[in-house]
C-alpha atoms as a PDB file:
ATOM      1  CA  MET A   1      48.824  78.728  95.287  1.00  0.00           C
ATOM      2  CA  GLU A   2      52.452  77.896  94.320  1.00  0.00           C
ATOM      3  CA  SER A   3      52.527  75.438  97.154  1.00  0.00           C
ATOM      4  CA  CYS A   4      49.432  73.579  96.092  1.00  0.00           C
ATOM      5  CA  LEU A   5      50.831  73.332  92.523  1.00  0.00           C
ATOM      6  CA  HIS A   6      54.070  71.887  93.854  1.00  0.00           C
ATOM      7  CA  GLN A   7      52.131  69.431  96.037  1.00  0.00           C
ATOM      8  CA  ARG A   8      50.053  68.424  93.080  1.00  0.00           C
ATOM      9  CA  GLU A   9      53.135  67.855  90.898  1.00  0.00           C
ATOM     10  CA  VAL A  10      54.726  65.673  93.773  1.00  0.00           C
ATOM     11  CA  ALA A  11      51.577  63.622  94.123  1.00  0.00           C
ATOM     12  CA  TYR A  12      51.564  63.108  90.274  1.00  0.00           C
ATOM     13  CA  ARG A  13      55.063  61.914  90.254  1.00  0.00           C
ATOM     14  CA  LEU A  14      54.404  59.527  93.225  1.00  0.00           C
ATOM     15  CA  ALA A  15      51.373  58.235  91.409  1.00  0.00           C
ATOM     16  CA  ASP A  16      53.360  57.672  88.261  1.00  0.00           C
ATOM     17  CA  ALA A  17      56.150  55.911  90.262  1.00  0.00           C
ATOM     18  CA  CYS A  18      53.502  53.614  91.963  1.00  0.00           C
ATOM     19  CA  LEU A  19      51.932  52.814  88.537  1.00  0.00           C
ATOM     20  CA  GLN A  20      55.330  51.916  87.145  1.00  0.00           C
ATOM     21  CA  VAL A  21      56.046  49.570  90.177  1.00  0.00           C
ATOM     22  CA  PHE A  22      52.684  48.134  89.660  1.00  0.00           C
ATOM     23  CA  ASP A  23      53.307  47.370  86.006  1.00  0.00           C
ATOM     24  CA  GLU A  24      56.647  45.790  86.744  1.00  0.00           C
ATOM     25  CA  LEU A  25      55.068  43.562  89.438  1.00  0.00           C
ATOM     26  CA  ALA A  26      52.420  42.541  87.037  1.00  0.00           C
ATOM     27  CA  GLU A  27      54.913  41.595  84.458  1.00  0.00           C
ATOM     28  CA  SER A  28      56.896  39.656  87.013  1.00  0.00           C
ATOM     29  CA  ASP A  29      53.743  37.831  88.031  1.00  0.00           C
ATOM     30  CA  ARG A  30      53.068  36.914  84.500  1.00  0.00           C
ATOM     31  CA  ALA A  31      56.601  35.589  83.892  1.00  0.00           C
ATOM     32  CA  LEU A  32      56.485  33.567  87.072  1.00  0.00           C
ATOM     33  CA  ARG A  33      53.099  32.065  86.295  1.00  0.00           C
ATOM     34  CA  SER A  34      54.386  31.233  82.879  1.00  0.00           C
ATOM     35  CA  SER A  35      57.433  29.520  84.382  1.00  0.00           C
ATOM     36  CA  GLN A  36      55.262  27.636  86.796  1.00  0.00           C
ATOM     37  CA  MET A  37      53.117  26.328  84.125  1.00  0.00           C
ATOM     38  CA  GLN A  38      56.088  25.098  82.221  1.00  0.00           C
ATOM     39  CA  VAL A  39      57.346  23.288  85.170  1.00  0.00           C
ATOM     40  CA  GLU A  40      53.959  21.764  85.939  1.00  0.00           C
ATOM     41  CA  LEU A  41      53.708  20.697  82.237  1.00  0.00           C
ATOM     42  CA  ARG A  42      57.083  19.019  82.319  1.00  0.00           C
ATOM     43  CA  LEU A  43      56.147  17.228  85.675  1.00  0.00           C
ATOM     44  CA  GLN A  44      53.006  16.040  84.188  1.00  0.00           C
ATOM     45  CA  GLN A  45      54.754  14.698  81.170  1.00  0.00           C
ATOM     46  CA  THR A  46      57.141  12.697  83.240  1.00  0.00           C
ATOM     47  CA  GLY A  47      54.341  11.510  85.420  1.00  0.00           C
ATOM     48  CA  ALA A  48      55.764  13.197  88.475  1.00  0.00           C
ATOM     49  CA  PHE A  49      53.159  15.939  89.009  1.00  0.00           C
ATOM     50  CA  PHE A  50      50.224  13.885  90.344  1.00  0.00           C
ATOM     51  CA  LEU A  51      50.116  11.413  93.275  1.00  0.00           C
ATOM     52  CA  CYS A  52      51.961   8.289  93.131  1.00  0.00           C
ATOM     53  CA  ASP A  53      50.215   4.978  93.813  1.00  0.00           C
ATOM     54  CA  GLU A  54      51.298   5.051  97.508  1.00  0.00           C
ATOM     55  CA  GLN A  55      50.081   8.572  98.042  1.00  0.00           C
ATOM     56  CA  LEU A  56      46.772   7.795  96.233  1.00  0.00           C
ATOM     57  CA  SER A  57      46.343   4.804  98.441  1.00  0.00           C
ATOM     58  CA  VAL A  58      46.870   6.781 101.521  1.00  0.00           C
ATOM     59  CA  ILE A  59      44.446   9.489 100.350  1.00  0.00           C
ATOM     60  CA  LEU A  60      41.799   6.875  99.437  1.00  0.00           C
ATOM     61  CA  ASP A  61      42.190   5.117 102.728  1.00  0.00           C
ATOM     62  CA  ARG A  62      41.875   8.348 104.707  1.00  0.00           C
ATOM     63  CA  ILE A  63      38.746   9.400 102.752  1.00  0.00           C
ATOM     64  CA  ALA A  64      37.145   5.952 103.727  1.00  0.00           C
ATOM     65  CA  GLU A  65      38.329   6.448 107.408  1.00  0.00           C
ATOM     66  CA  VAL A  66      36.664   9.837 107.885  1.00  0.00           C
ATOM     67  CA  GLY A  67      33.728   9.139 105.768  1.00  0.00           C
ATOM     68  CA  ALA A  68      34.302  11.832 103.365  1.00  0.00           C
ATOM     69  CA  ASP A  69      32.322  12.300 100.175  1.00  0.00           C
ATOM     70  CA  VAL A  70      34.802  11.756  97.319  1.00  0.00           C
ATOM     71  CA  ARG A  71      33.064  14.194  94.914  1.00  0.00           C
ATOM     72  CA  ARG A  72      32.730  16.862  97.422  1.00  0.00           C
ATOM     73  CA  PHE A  73      36.469  16.450  98.540  1.00  0.00           C
ATOM     74  CA  CYS A  74      37.540  16.686  94.927  1.00  0.00           C
ATOM     75  CA  GLU A  75      35.539  19.855  94.434  1.00  0.00           C
ATOM     76  CA  TYR A  76      37.041  21.357  97.663  1.00  0.00           C
ATOM     77  CA  LEU A  77      40.514  20.692  96.278  1.00  0.00           C
ATOM     78  CA  GLY A  78      39.564  21.883  92.747  1.00  0.00           C
ATOM     79  CA  VAL A  79      40.321  18.668  91.006  1.00  0.00           C
ATOM     80  CA  ASP A  80      38.555  16.325  88.665  1.00  0.00           C
ATOM     81  CA  GLY A  81      39.405  13.139  90.626  1.00  0.00           C
ATOM     82  CA  VAL A  82      41.609  11.960  93.549  1.00  0.00           C
ATOM     83  CA  ALA A  83      44.132  10.819  91.099  1.00  0.00           C
ATOM     84  CA  LYS A  84      44.357  14.400  89.708  1.00  0.00           C
ATOM     85  CA  ILE A  85      45.609  15.888  93.136  1.00  0.00           C
ATOM     86  CA  PRO A  86      48.881  17.397  92.513  1.00  0.00           C
ATOM     87  CA  ALA A  87      51.642  15.576  94.456  1.00  0.00           C
ATOM     88  CA  HIS A  88      52.775  18.833  96.154  1.00  0.00           C
ATOM     89  CA  GLU A  89      49.299  19.215  97.793  1.00  0.00           C
ATOM     90  CA  VAL A  90      49.255  15.824  99.404  1.00  0.00           C
ATOM     91  CA  GLU A  91      49.780  17.231 102.875  1.00  0.00           C
ATOM     92  CA  TYR A  92      47.122  19.882 102.260  1.00  0.00           C
ATOM     93  CA  ALA A  93      44.731  17.107 101.272  1.00  0.00           C
ATOM     94  CA  LEU A  94      45.435  14.998 104.246  1.00  0.00           C
ATOM     95  CA  ALA A  95      45.147  18.038 106.619  1.00  0.00           C
ATOM     96  CA  ALA A  96      41.743  18.650 105.110  1.00  0.00           C
ATOM     97  CA  LEU A  97      40.691  15.108 105.781  1.00  0.00           C
ATOM     98  CA  GLU A  98      41.953  15.196 109.354  1.00  0.00           C
ATOM     99  CA  ALA A  99      39.915  18.586 109.777  1.00  0.00           C
ATOM    100  CA  LYS A 100      36.882  16.711 108.594  1.00  0.00           C
ATOM    101  CA  ARG A 101      37.628  13.907 111.133  1.00  0.00           C
ATOM    102  CA  ARG A 102      37.675  16.435 113.942  1.00  0.00           C
ATOM    103  CA  ARG A 103      34.412  18.196 113.066  1.00  0.00           C
ATOM    104  CA  PRO A 104      31.334  16.797 114.752  1.00  0.00           C
ATOM    105  CA  ALA A 105      29.051  14.811 112.532  1.00  0.00           C
END
């Protein structure tokens, strides 16, 4: 019986330690997300967050080349319009269009 009580106590301590680590990770995640939002806001304010004119032109040309539906493409990327694609996702967007090109019609 004493062994069972000891094992239960150890299990409770381990569970408490796991919960503490989880809470610390959740707090770190919140802090990182807040920092990311601040950086994105600053980039938006300077006009450096979304596609530049050259990138926009490349994306629009590629959409036309592969015959993609602009509305569905924007929905897939989770944006309101092609001009609202974040600049850091340009390679992802181009890869998605190339994947469409390779799929049979």
